[in-house]
PDB file of N, CA and C in Angstrom:
ATOM      1  N   MET A   1       5.993 -11.744  -1.875  1.00  0.00           N
ATOM      2  CA  MET A   1       5.447 -11.161  -0.669  1.00  0.00           C
ATOM      3  C   MET A   1       6.516 -10.310   0.014  1.00  0.00           C
ATOM      4  N   LEU A   2       6.081  -9.249   0.620  1.00  0.00           N
ATOM      5  CA  LEU A   2       7.003  -8.373   1.340  1.00  0.00           C
ATOM      6  C   LEU A   2       7.590  -9.085   2.553  1.00  0.00           C
ATOM      7  N   LYS A   3       8.825  -8.764   2.861  1.00  0.00           N
ATOM      8  CA  LYS A   3       9.429  -9.302   4.080  1.00  0.00           C
ATOM      9  C   LYS A   3       8.691  -8.751   5.290  1.00  0.00           C
ATOM     10  N   ARG A   4       8.754  -9.479   6.373  1.00  0.00           N
ATOM     11  CA  ARG A   4       8.057  -9.084   7.596  1.00  0.00           C
ATOM     12  C   ARG A   4       8.522  -7.710   8.089  1.00  0.00           C
ATOM     13  N   GLU A   5       9.801  -7.419   7.921  1.00  0.00           N
ATOM     14  CA  GLU A   5      10.345  -6.135   8.390  1.00  0.00           C
ATOM     15  C   GLU A   5       9.816  -4.950   7.579  1.00  0.00           C
ATOM     16  N   ASN A   6       9.269  -5.222   6.402  1.00  0.00           N
ATOM     17  CA  ASN A   6       8.738  -4.153   5.548  1.00  0.00           C
ATOM     18  C   ASN A   6       7.225  -4.020   5.617  1.00  0.00           C
ATOM     19  N   ARG A   7       6.585  -4.748   6.522  1.00  0.00           N
ATOM     20  CA  ARG A   7       5.131  -4.696   6.638  1.00  0.00           C
ATOM     21  C   ARG A   7       4.718  -3.962   7.902  1.00  0.00           C
ATOM     22  N   ILE A   8       3.644  -3.207   7.802  1.00  0.00           N
ATOM     23  CA  ILE A   8       3.034  -2.587   8.976  1.00  0.00           C
ATOM     24  C   ILE A   8       2.029  -3.610   9.484  1.00  0.00           C
ATOM     25  N   ARG A   9       2.215  -4.067  10.708  1.00  0.00           N
ATOM     26  CA  ARG A   9       1.378  -5.151  11.211  1.00  0.00           C
ATOM     27  C   ARG A   9       0.535  -4.743  12.414  1.00  0.00           C
ATOM     28  N   LEU A  10       1.027  -3.840  13.221  1.00  0.00           N
ATOM     29  CA  LEU A  10       0.341  -3.497  14.459  1.00  0.00           C
ATOM     30  C   LEU A  10      -0.683  -2.383  14.253  1.00  0.00           C
ATOM     31  N   LYS A  11      -1.791  -2.501  14.950  1.00  0.00           N
ATOM     32  CA  LYS A  11      -2.835  -1.483  14.887  1.00  0.00           C
ATOM     33  C   LYS A  11      -2.290  -0.138  15.333  1.00  0.00           C
ATOM     34  N   LYS A  12      -1.375  -0.162  16.301  1.00  0.00           N
ATOM     35  CA  LYS A  12      -0.745   1.059  16.811  1.00  0.00           C
ATOM     36  C   LYS A  12      -0.012   1.795  15.687  1.00  0.00           C
ATOM     37  N   GLU A  13       0.697   1.043  14.847  1.00  0.00           N
ATOM     38  CA  GLU A  13       1.419   1.651  13.729  1.00  0.00           C
ATOM     39  C   GLU A  13       0.450   2.251  12.706  1.00  0.00           C
ATOM     40  N   PHE A  14      -0.623   1.513  12.391  1.00  0.00           N
ATOM     41  CA  PHE A  14      -1.616   2.024  11.451  1.00  0.00           C
ATOM     42  C   PHE A  14      -2.218   3.332  11.963  1.00  0.00           C
ATOM     43  N   THR A  15      -2.565   3.362  13.241  1.00  0.00           N
ATOM     44  CA  THR A  15      -3.175   4.552  13.840  1.00  0.00           C
ATOM     45  C   THR A  15      -2.211   5.727  13.833  1.00  0.00           C
ATOM     46  N   GLU A  16      -0.955   5.469  14.145  1.00  0.00           N
ATOM     47  CA  GLU A  16       0.058   6.524  14.169  1.00  0.00           C
ATOM     48  C   GLU A  16       0.228   7.158  12.790  1.00  0.00           C
ATOM     49  N   ILE A  17       0.292   6.334  11.764  1.00  0.00           N
ATOM     50  CA  ILE A  17       0.448   6.848  10.397  1.00  0.00           C
ATOM     51  C   ILE A  17      -0.803   7.609   9.977  1.00  0.00           C
ATOM     52  N   LYS A  18      -1.955   7.085  10.363  1.00  0.00           N
ATOM     53  CA  LYS A  18      -3.224   7.741  10.032  1.00  0.00           C
ATOM     54  C   LYS A  18      -3.296   9.133  10.643  1.00  0.00           C
ATOM     55  N   ASN A  19      -2.812   9.284  11.870  1.00  0.00           N
ATOM     56  CA  ASN A  19      -2.869  10.566  12.560  1.00  0.00           C
ATOM     57  C   ASN A  19      -1.802  11.547  12.080  1.00  0.00           C
ATOM     58  N   LYS A  20      -0.589  11.065  11.814  1.00  0.00           N
ATOM     59  CA  LYS A  20       0.520  11.946  11.449  1.00  0.00           C
ATOM     60  C   LYS A  20       0.664  12.167   9.953  1.00  0.00           C
ATOM     61  N   GLY A  21       0.188  11.222   9.149  1.00  0.00           N
ATOM     62  CA  GLY A  21       0.459  11.241   7.717  1.00  0.00           C
ATOM     63  C   GLY A  21      -0.446  12.155   6.920  1.00  0.00           C
ATOM     64  N   ARG A  22      -0.127  12.233   5.650  1.00  0.00           N
ATOM     65  CA  ARG A  22      -0.968  12.986   4.725  1.00  0.00           C
ATOM     66  C   ARG A  22      -1.464  12.010   3.667  1.00  0.00           C
ATOM     67  N   ILE A  23      -2.578  12.352   3.053  1.00  0.00           N
ATOM     68  CA  ILE A  23      -3.200  11.428   2.109  1.00  0.00           C
ATOM     69  C   ILE A  23      -3.110  11.972   0.690  1.00  0.00           C
ATOM     70  N   LEU A  24      -2.800  11.061  -0.223  1.00  0.00           N
ATOM     71  CA  LEU A  24      -2.763  11.363  -1.647  1.00  0.00           C
ATOM     72  C   LEU A  24      -3.697  10.378  -2.338  1.00  0.00           C
ATOM     73  N   TYR A  25      -4.214  10.756  -3.489  1.00  0.00           N
ATOM     74  CA  TYR A  25      -5.163   9.895  -4.176  1.00  0.00           C
ATOM     75  C   TYR A  25      -4.710   9.564  -5.585  1.00  0.00           C
ATOM     76  N   SER A  26      -5.059   8.377  -6.024  1.00  0.00           N
ATOM     77  CA  SER A  26      -4.880   7.964  -7.402  1.00  0.00           C
ATOM     78  C   SER A  26      -6.209   7.333  -7.827  1.00  0.00           C
ATOM     79  N   PRO A  27      -6.393   7.037  -9.101  1.00  0.00           N
ATOM     80  CA  PRO A  27      -7.658   6.439  -9.522  1.00  0.00           C
ATOM     81  C   PRO A  27      -7.950   5.071  -8.889  1.00  0.00           C
ATOM     82  N   LEU A  28      -6.921   4.312  -8.528  1.00  0.00           N
ATOM     83  CA  LEU A  28      -7.134   2.967  -8.002  1.00  0.00           C
ATOM     84  C   LEU A  28      -7.076   2.877  -6.481  1.00  0.00           C
ATOM     85  N   PHE A  29      -6.330   3.783  -5.840  1.00  0.00           N
ATOM     86  CA  PHE A  29      -6.204   3.721  -4.383  1.00  0.00           C
ATOM     87  C   PHE A  29      -5.757   5.054  -3.821  1.00  0.00           C
ATOM     88  N   GLY A  30      -5.865   5.169  -2.509  1.00  0.00           N
ATOM     89  CA  GLY A  30      -5.344   6.326  -1.796  1.00  0.00           C
ATOM     90  C   GLY A  30      -4.077   5.912  -1.062  1.00  0.00           C
ATOM     91  N   PHE A  31      -3.231   6.867  -0.756  1.00  0.00           N
ATOM     92  CA  PHE A  31      -1.984   6.603  -0.043  1.00  0.00           C
ATOM     93  C   PHE A  31      -1.959   7.444   1.215  1.00  0.00           C
ATOM     94  N   LEU A  32      -1.757   6.825   2.337  1.00  0.00           N
ATOM     95  CA  LEU A  32      -1.473   7.558   3.567  1.00  0.00           C
ATOM     96  C   LEU A  32       0.032   7.476   3.745  1.00  0.00           C
ATOM     97  N   THR A  33       0.719   8.590   3.708  1.00  0.00           N
ATOM     98  CA  THR A  33       2.176   8.568   3.795  1.00  0.00           C
ATOM     99  C   THR A  33       2.660   9.302   5.029  1.00  0.00           C
ATOM    100  N   CYS A  34       3.763   8.815   5.547  1.00  0.00           N
ATOM    101  CA  CYS A  34       4.372   9.396   6.732  1.00  0.00           C
ATOM    102  C   CYS A  34       5.878   9.162   6.631  1.00  0.00           C
ATOM    103  N   LYS A  35       6.657  10.063   7.173  1.00  0.00           N
ATOM    104  CA  LYS A  35       8.115   9.947   7.129  1.00  0.00           C
ATOM    105  C   LYS A  35       8.651   9.790   8.547  1.00  0.00           C
ATOM    106  N   GLU A  36       9.547   8.829   8.740  1.00  0.00           N
ATOM    107  CA  GLU A  36      10.192   8.594  10.030  1.00  0.00           C
ATOM    108  C   GLU A  36      11.696   8.807   9.890  1.00  0.00           C
ATOM    109  N   ASN A  37      12.394   8.824  11.012  1.00  0.00           N
ATOM    110  CA  ASN A  37      13.840   9.056  11.002  1.00  0.00           C
ATOM    111  C   ASN A  37      14.632   7.767  11.164  1.00  0.00           C
ATOM    112  N   ASP A  38      14.259   6.731  10.434  1.00  0.00           N
ATOM    113  CA  ASP A  38      15.012   5.481  10.499  1.00  0.00           C
ATOM    114  C   ASP A  38      15.263   4.968   9.079  1.00  0.00           C
ATOM    115  N   ASP A  39      15.875   3.794   8.978  1.00  0.00           N
ATOM    116  CA  ASP A  39      16.232   3.253   7.670  1.00  0.00           C
ATOM    117  C   ASP A  39      15.202   2.287   7.112  1.00  0.00           C
ATOM    118  N   GLN A  40      14.129   2.037   7.841  1.00  0.00           N
ATOM    119  CA  GLN A  40      13.150   1.061   7.384  1.00  0.00           C
ATOM    120  C   GLN A  40      12.134   1.683   6.430  1.00  0.00           C
ATOM    121  N   LYS A  41      11.615   0.831   5.555  1.00  0.00           N
ATOM    122  CA  LYS A  41      10.522   1.193   4.659  1.00  0.00           C
ATOM    123  C   LYS A  41       9.400   0.233   5.004  1.00  0.00           C
ATOM    124  N   LYS A  42       8.241   0.772   5.381  1.00  0.00           N
ATOM    125  CA  LYS A  42       7.136  -0.083   5.796  1.00  0.00           C
ATOM    126  C   LYS A  42       5.872   0.259   5.017  1.00  0.00           C
ATOM    127  N   PHE A  43       5.105  -0.807   4.727  1.00  0.00           N
ATOM    128  CA  PHE A  43       3.906  -0.660   3.916  1.00  0.00           C
ATOM    129  C   PHE A  43       2.760  -1.461   4.523  1.00  0.00           C
ATOM    130  N   GLY A  44       1.567  -0.921   4.406  1.00  0.00           N
ATOM    131  CA  GLY A  44       0.365  -1.603   4.857  1.00  0.00           C
ATOM    132  C   GLY A  44      -0.692  -1.512   3.764  1.00  0.00           C
ATOM    133  N   PHE A  45      -1.614  -2.465   3.767  1.00  0.00           N
ATOM    134  CA  PHE A  45      -2.638  -2.533   2.737  1.00  0.00           C
ATOM    135  C   PHE A  45      -3.995  -2.710   3.406  1.00  0.00           C
ATOM    136  N   ILE A  46      -4.938  -1.847   3.063  1.00  0.00           N
ATOM    137  CA  ILE A  46      -6.282  -1.942   3.616  1.00  0.00           C
ATOM    138  C   ILE A  46      -7.260  -2.131   2.460  1.00  0.00           C
ATOM    139  N   VAL A  47      -7.941  -3.270   2.477  1.00  0.00           N
ATOM    140  CA  VAL A  47      -8.970  -3.573   1.483  1.00  0.00           C
ATOM    141  C   VAL A  47     -10.231  -3.904   2.269  1.00  0.00           C
ATOM    142  N   SER A  48     -11.202  -3.015   2.254  1.00  0.00           N
ATOM    143  CA  SER A  48     -12.399  -3.220   3.059  1.00  0.00           C
ATOM    144  C   SER A  48     -13.393  -4.148   2.359  1.00  0.00           C
ATOM    145  N   LYS A  49     -14.374  -4.570   3.109  1.00  0.00           N
ATOM    146  CA  LYS A  49     -15.416  -5.433   2.552  1.00  0.00           C
ATOM    147  C   LYS A  49     -16.319  -4.675   1.588  1.00  0.00           C
ATOM    148  N   LYS A  50     -16.234  -3.351   1.592  1.00  0.00           N
ATOM    149  CA  LYS A  50     -16.991  -2.568   0.622  1.00  0.00           C
ATOM    150  C   LYS A  50     -16.460  -2.800  -0.794  1.00  0.00           C
ATOM    151  N   ILE A  51     -15.174  -3.118  -0.894  1.00  0.00           N
ATOM    152  CA  ILE A  51     -14.562  -3.389  -2.189  1.00  0.00           C
ATOM    153  C   ILE A  51     -15.107  -4.696  -2.755  1.00  0.00           C
ATOM    154  N   SER A  52     -15.069  -5.739  -1.940  1.00  0.00           N
ATOM    155  CA  SER A  52     -15.597  -7.040  -2.335  1.00  0.00           C
ATOM    156  C   SER A  52     -15.932  -7.833  -1.083  1.00  0.00           C
ATOM    157  N   LYS A  53     -17.032  -8.505  -1.107  1.00  0.00           N
ATOM    158  CA  LYS A  53     -17.424  -9.336   0.034  1.00  0.00           C
ATOM    159  C   LYS A  53     -16.583 -10.605   0.097  1.00  0.00           C
ATOM    160  N   ARG A  54     -16.005 -10.992  -1.024  1.00  0.00           N
ATOM    161  CA  ARG A  54     -15.237 -12.241  -1.089  1.00  0.00           C
ATOM    162  C   ARG A  54     -13.798 -12.020  -0.638  1.00  0.00           C
ATOM    163  N   ALA A  55     -13.382 -12.790   0.330  1.00  0.00           N
ATOM    164  CA  ALA A  55     -12.013 -12.702   0.847  1.00  0.00           C
ATOM    165  C   ALA A  55     -10.997 -13.039  -0.240  1.00  0.00           C
ATOM    166  N   VAL A  56     -11.366 -13.908  -1.149  1.00  0.00           N
ATOM    167  CA  VAL A  56     -10.477 -14.292  -2.246  1.00  0.00           C
ATOM    168  C   VAL A  56     -10.088 -13.060  -3.062  1.00  0.00           C
ATOM    169  N   ASP A  57     -11.067 -12.229  -3.374  1.00  0.00           N
ATOM    170  CA  ASP A  57     -10.797 -11.015  -4.160  1.00  0.00           C
ATOM    171  C   ASP A  57      -9.947 -10.027  -3.379  1.00  0.00           C
ATOM    172  N   ARG A  58     -10.282  -9.827  -2.114  1.00  0.00           N
ATOM    173  CA  ARG A  58      -9.517  -8.884  -1.289  1.00  0.00           C
ATOM    174  C   ARG A  58      -8.066  -9.337  -1.135  1.00  0.00           C
ATOM    175  N   ASN A  59      -7.853 -10.624  -0.923  1.00  0.00           N
ATOM    176  CA  ASN A  59      -6.488 -11.148  -0.767  1.00  0.00           C
ATOM    177  C   ASN A  59      -5.702 -11.056  -2.066  1.00  0.00           C
ATOM    178  N   LYS A  60      -6.368 -11.272  -3.180  1.00  0.00           N
ATOM    179  CA  LYS A  60      -5.685 -11.172  -4.471  1.00  0.00           C
ATOM    180  C   LYS A  60      -5.187  -9.748  -4.699  1.00  0.00           C
ATOM    181  N   ILE A  61      -6.019  -8.767  -4.353  1.00  0.00           N
ATOM    182  CA  ILE A  61      -5.622  -7.362  -4.480  1.00  0.00           C
ATOM    183  C   ILE A  61      -4.399  -7.092  -3.606  1.00  0.00           C
ATOM    184  N   ARG A  62      -4.417  -7.569  -2.358  1.00  0.00           N
ATOM    185  CA  ARG A  62      -3.276  -7.387  -1.454  1.00  0.00           C
ATOM    186  C   ARG A  62      -2.004  -8.026  -2.014  1.00  0.00           C
ATOM    187  N   ARG A  63      -2.138  -9.232  -2.531  1.00  0.00           N
ATOM    188  CA  ARG A  63      -0.959  -9.929  -3.063  1.00  0.00           C
ATOM    189  C   ARG A  63      -0.372  -9.207  -4.260  1.00  0.00           C
ATOM    190  N   ILE A  64      -1.220  -8.729  -5.165  1.00  0.00           N
ATOM    191  CA  ILE A  64      -0.738  -8.010  -6.354  1.00  0.00           C
ATOM    192  C   ILE A  64       0.007  -6.744  -5.935  1.00  0.00           C
ATOM    193  N   LEU A  65      -0.602  -5.961  -5.064  1.00  0.00           N
ATOM    194  CA  LEU A  65       0.006  -4.703  -4.641  1.00  0.00           C
ATOM    195  C   LEU A  65       1.277  -4.944  -3.833  1.00  0.00           C
ATOM    196  N   SER A  66       1.262  -5.965  -3.002  1.00  0.00           N
ATOM    197  CA  SER A  66       2.438  -6.307  -2.207  1.00  0.00           C
ATOM    198  C   SER A  66       3.614  -6.674  -3.116  1.00  0.00           C
ATOM    199  N   GLU A  67       3.335  -7.402  -4.172  1.00  0.00           N
ATOM    200  CA  GLU A  67       4.382  -7.803  -5.113  1.00  0.00           C
ATOM    201  C   GLU A  67       4.933  -6.597  -5.872  1.00  0.00           C
ATOM    202  N   VAL A  68       4.060  -5.691  -6.280  1.00  0.00           N
ATOM    203  CA  VAL A  68       4.499  -4.473  -6.976  1.00  0.00           C
ATOM    204  C   VAL A  68       5.423  -3.664  -6.062  1.00  0.00           C
ATOM    205  N   VAL A  69       5.036  -3.521  -4.808  1.00  0.00           N
ATOM    206  CA  VAL A  69       5.849  -2.762  -3.853  1.00  0.00           C
ATOM    207  C   VAL A  69       7.188  -3.466  -3.615  1.00  0.00           C
ATOM    208  N   ARG A  70       7.166  -4.787  -3.473  1.00  0.00           N
ATOM    209  CA  ARG A  70       8.391  -5.548  -3.227  1.00  0.00           C
ATOM    210  C   ARG A  70       9.390  -5.366  -4.362  1.00  0.00           C
ATOM    211  N   GLU A  71       8.906  -5.394  -5.610  1.00  0.00           N
ATOM    212  CA  GLU A  71       9.803  -5.244  -6.759  1.00  0.00           C
ATOM    213  C   GLU A  71      10.370  -3.833  -6.880  1.00  0.00           C
ATOM    214  N   ASN A  72       9.663  -2.843  -6.354  1.00  0.00           N
ATOM    215  CA  ASN A  72      10.116  -1.450  -6.446  1.00  0.00           C
ATOM    216  C   ASN A  72      10.605  -0.912  -5.104  1.00  0.00           C
ATOM    217  N   LEU A  73      10.931  -1.782  -4.178  1.00  0.00           N
ATOM    218  CA  LEU A  73      11.281  -1.384  -2.815  1.00  0.00           C
ATOM    219  C   LEU A  73      12.471  -0.421  -2.758  1.00  0.00           C
ATOM    220  N   GLU A  74      13.463  -0.640  -3.584  1.00  0.00           N
ATOM    221  CA  GLU A  74      14.663   0.199  -3.538  1.00  0.00           C
ATOM    222  C   GLU A  74      14.394   1.617  -4.029  1.00  0.00           C
ATOM    223  N   ARG A  75      13.290   1.830  -4.726  1.00  0.00           N
ATOM    224  CA  ARG A  75      12.959   3.153  -5.249  1.00  0.00           C
ATOM    225  C   ARG A  75      12.304   4.063  -4.208  1.00  0.00           C
ATOM    226  N   PHE A  76      11.844   3.492  -3.098  1.00  0.00           N
ATOM    227  CA  PHE A  76      11.250   4.286  -2.020  1.00  0.00           C
ATOM    228  C   PHE A  76      12.360   4.794  -1.098  1.00  0.00           C
ATOM    229  N   GLU A  77      12.156   5.959  -0.515  1.00  0.00           N
ATOM    230  CA  GLU A  77      13.145   6.551   0.391  1.00  0.00           C
ATOM    231  C   GLU A  77      13.147   5.826   1.731  1.00  0.00           C
ATOM    232  N   ASN A  78      14.295   5.875   2.423  1.00  0.00           N
ATOM    233  CA  ASN A  78      14.369   5.299   3.770  1.00  0.00           C
ATOM    234  C   ASN A  78      13.473   6.087   4.718  1.00  0.00           C
ATOM    235  N   GLY A  79      12.875   5.383   5.658  1.00  0.00           N
ATOM    236  CA  GLY A  79      11.987   6.025   6.623  1.00  0.00           C
ATOM    237  C   GLY A  79      10.560   6.192   6.136  1.00  0.00           C
ATOM    238  N   THR A  80      10.271   5.657   4.966  1.00  0.00           N
ATOM    239  CA  THR A  80       8.936   5.788   4.383  1.00  0.00           C
ATOM    240  C   THR A  80       7.949   4.848   5.058  1.00  0.00           C
ATOM    241  N   ARG A  81       6.770   5.359   5.359  1.00  0.00           N
ATOM    242  CA  ARG A  81       5.656   4.550   5.853  1.00  0.00           C
ATOM    243  C   ARG A  81       4.467   4.858   4.943  1.00  0.00           C
ATOM    244  N   ILE A  82       3.918   3.838   4.295  1.00  0.00           N
ATOM    245  CA  ILE A  82       2.805   4.045   3.376  1.00  0.00           C
ATOM    246  C   ILE A  82       1.716   3.014   3.657  1.00  0.00           C
ATOM    247  N   ILE A  83       0.482   3.496   3.723  1.00  0.00           N
ATOM    248  CA  ILE A  83      -0.676   2.614   3.806  1.00  0.00           C
ATOM    249  C   ILE A  83      -1.489   2.831   2.536  1.00  0.00           C
ATOM    250  N   PHE A  84      -1.739   1.748   1.824  1.00  0.00           N
ATOM    251  CA  PHE A  84      -2.540   1.800   0.607  1.00  0.00           C
ATOM    252  C   PHE A  84      -4.002   1.550   0.979  1.00  0.00           C
ATOM    253  N   LEU A  85      -4.872   2.460   0.573  1.00  0.00           N
ATOM    254  CA  LEU A  85      -6.313   2.350   0.805  1.00  0.00           C
ATOM    255  C   LEU A  85      -6.981   2.098  -0.541  1.00  0.00           C
ATOM    256  N   MET A  86      -7.484   0.898  -0.725  1.00  0.00           N
ATOM    257  CA  MET A  86      -8.015   0.503  -2.030  1.00  0.00           C
ATOM    258  C   MET A  86      -9.367   1.147  -2.331  1.00  0.00           C
ATOM    259  N   LYS A  87      -9.595   1.353  -3.620  1.00  0.00           N
ATOM    260  CA  LYS A  87     -10.882   1.825  -4.120  1.00  0.00           C
ATOM    261  C   LYS A  87     -11.500   0.700  -4.950  1.00  0.00           C
ATOM    262  N   LYS A  88     -12.797   0.789  -5.201  1.00  0.00           N
ATOM    263  CA  LYS A  88     -13.498  -0.249  -5.974  1.00  0.00           C
ATOM    264  C   LYS A  88     -12.935  -0.404  -7.381  1.00  0.00           C
ATOM    265  N   GLU A  89     -12.378   0.649  -7.921  1.00  0.00           N
ATOM    266  CA  GLU A  89     -11.861   0.621  -9.291  1.00  0.00           C
ATOM    267  C   GLU A  89     -10.726  -0.381  -9.474  1.00  0.00           C
ATOM    268  N   ILE A  90     -10.100  -0.824  -8.401  1.00  0.00           N
ATOM    269  CA  ILE A  90      -8.973  -1.750  -8.504  1.00  0.00           C
ATOM    270  C   ILE A  90      -9.432  -3.176  -8.819  1.00  0.00           C
ATOM    271  N   LEU A  91     -10.701  -3.462  -8.579  1.00  0.00           N
ATOM    272  CA  LEU A  91     -11.222  -4.805  -8.869  1.00  0.00           C
ATOM    273  C   LEU A  91     -11.078  -5.122 -10.352  1.00  0.00           C
ATOM    274  N   GLY A  92     -10.530  -6.280 -10.646  1.00  0.00           N
ATOM    275  CA  GLY A  92     -10.392  -6.721 -12.031  1.00  0.00           C
ATOM    276  C   GLY A  92      -9.186  -6.156 -12.758  1.00  0.00           C
ATOM    277  N   LYS A  93      -8.400  -5.313 -12.110  1.00  0.00           N
ATOM    278  CA  LYS A  93      -7.213  -4.749 -12.761  1.00  0.00           C
ATOM    279  C   LYS A  93      -6.094  -5.784 -12.771  1.00  0.00           C
ATOM    280  N   LYS A  94      -5.325  -5.750 -13.808  1.00  0.00           N
ATOM    281  CA  LYS A  94      -4.195  -6.662 -13.949  1.00  0.00           C
ATOM    282  C   LYS A  94      -2.968  -6.084 -13.262  1.00  0.00           C
ATOM    283  N   TYR A  95      -1.982  -6.936 -13.085  1.00  0.00           N
ATOM    284  CA  TYR A  95      -0.730  -6.577 -12.423  1.00  0.00           C
ATOM    285  C   TYR A  95      -0.096  -5.348 -13.079  1.00  0.00           C
ATOM    286  N   ASP A  96      -0.045  -5.327 -14.412  1.00  0.00           N
ATOM    287  CA  ASP A  96       0.613  -4.234 -15.134  1.00  0.00           C
ATOM    288  C   ASP A  96      -0.046  -2.881 -14.861  1.00  0.00           C
ATOM    289  N   GLU A  97      -1.375  -2.870 -14.800  1.00  0.00           N
ATOM    290  CA  GLU A  97      -2.097  -1.623 -14.564  1.00  0.00           C
ATOM    291  C   GLU A  97      -1.831  -1.088 -13.159  1.00  0.00           C
ATOM    292  N   VAL A  98      -1.782  -1.990 -12.193  1.00  0.00           N
ATOM    293  CA  VAL A  98      -1.498  -1.586 -10.808  1.00  0.00           C
ATOM    294  C   VAL A  98      -0.062  -1.088 -10.697  1.00  0.00           C
ATOM    295  N   GLU A  99       0.850  -1.760 -11.386  1.00  0.00           N
ATOM    296  CA  GLU A  99       2.256  -1.367 -11.357  1.00  0.00           C
ATOM    297  C   GLU A  99       2.454   0.047 -11.925  1.00  0.00           C
ATOM    298  N   LYS A 100       1.777   0.369 -13.018  1.00  0.00           N
ATOM    299  CA  LYS A 100       1.876   1.703 -13.604  1.00  0.00           C
ATOM    300  C   LYS A 100       1.395   2.780 -12.637  1.00  0.00           C
ATOM    301  N   GLU A 101       0.316   2.481 -11.919  1.00  0.00           N
ATOM    302  CA  GLU A 101      -0.243   3.447 -10.970  1.00  0.00           C
ATOM    303  C   GLU A 101       0.726   3.690  -9.815  1.00  0.00           C
ATOM    304  N   VAL A 102       1.364   2.636  -9.309  1.00  0.00           N
ATOM    305  CA  VAL A 102       2.325   2.781  -8.211  1.00  0.00           C
ATOM    306  C   VAL A 102       3.556   3.553  -8.699  1.00  0.00           C
ATOM    307  N   GLU A 103       4.000   3.299  -9.924  1.00  0.00           N
ATOM    308  CA  GLU A 103       5.153   4.016 -10.459  1.00  0.00           C
ATOM    309  C   GLU A 103       4.884   5.514 -10.597  1.00  0.00           C
ATOM    310  N   LYS A 104       3.658   5.871 -10.947  1.00  0.00           N
ATOM    311  CA  LYS A 104       3.290   7.294 -11.007  1.00  0.00           C
ATOM    312  C   LYS A 104       3.452   7.934  -9.633  1.00  0.00           C
ATOM    313  N   PHE A 105       3.037   7.197  -8.607  1.00  0.00           N
ATOM    314  CA  PHE A 105       3.137   7.706  -7.241  1.00  0.00           C
ATOM    315  C   PHE A 105       4.597   7.856  -6.815  1.00  0.00           C
ATOM    316  N   ILE A 106       5.444   6.902  -7.178  1.00  0.00           N
ATOM    317  CA  ILE A 106       6.855   6.952  -6.774  1.00  0.00           C
ATOM    318  C   ILE A 106       7.525   8.182  -7.379  1.00  0.00           C
ATOM    319  N   LYS A 107       7.192   8.522  -8.597  1.00  0.00           N
ATOM    320  CA  LYS A 107       7.805   9.681  -9.256  1.00  0.00           C
ATOM    321  C   LYS A 107       7.304  10.944  -8.621  1.00  0.00           C
TER     322      LYS A 107
END
């Protein structure tokens, strides 16, 4: 799991990134990215009920993506703010498939 300092937790932060950031898309999720002038790297994950009605499935997706980001944390630039917006295609994907998609984005 990501450390607390690396998570976007406040609604204010989510809204700020949504307004200032730009969006990129991949087959499994969208990325809202924003750059700040500090040394922190922060990440947020949004999995709506449209993806799955079951909280178990939504939480599993969050945990998988959070772990992928945690393992690749040093590869992101300082001041990075990213919100991952999940798509239905991510349901049933394994850890390796999600990791490959995130690595494509990092490059």
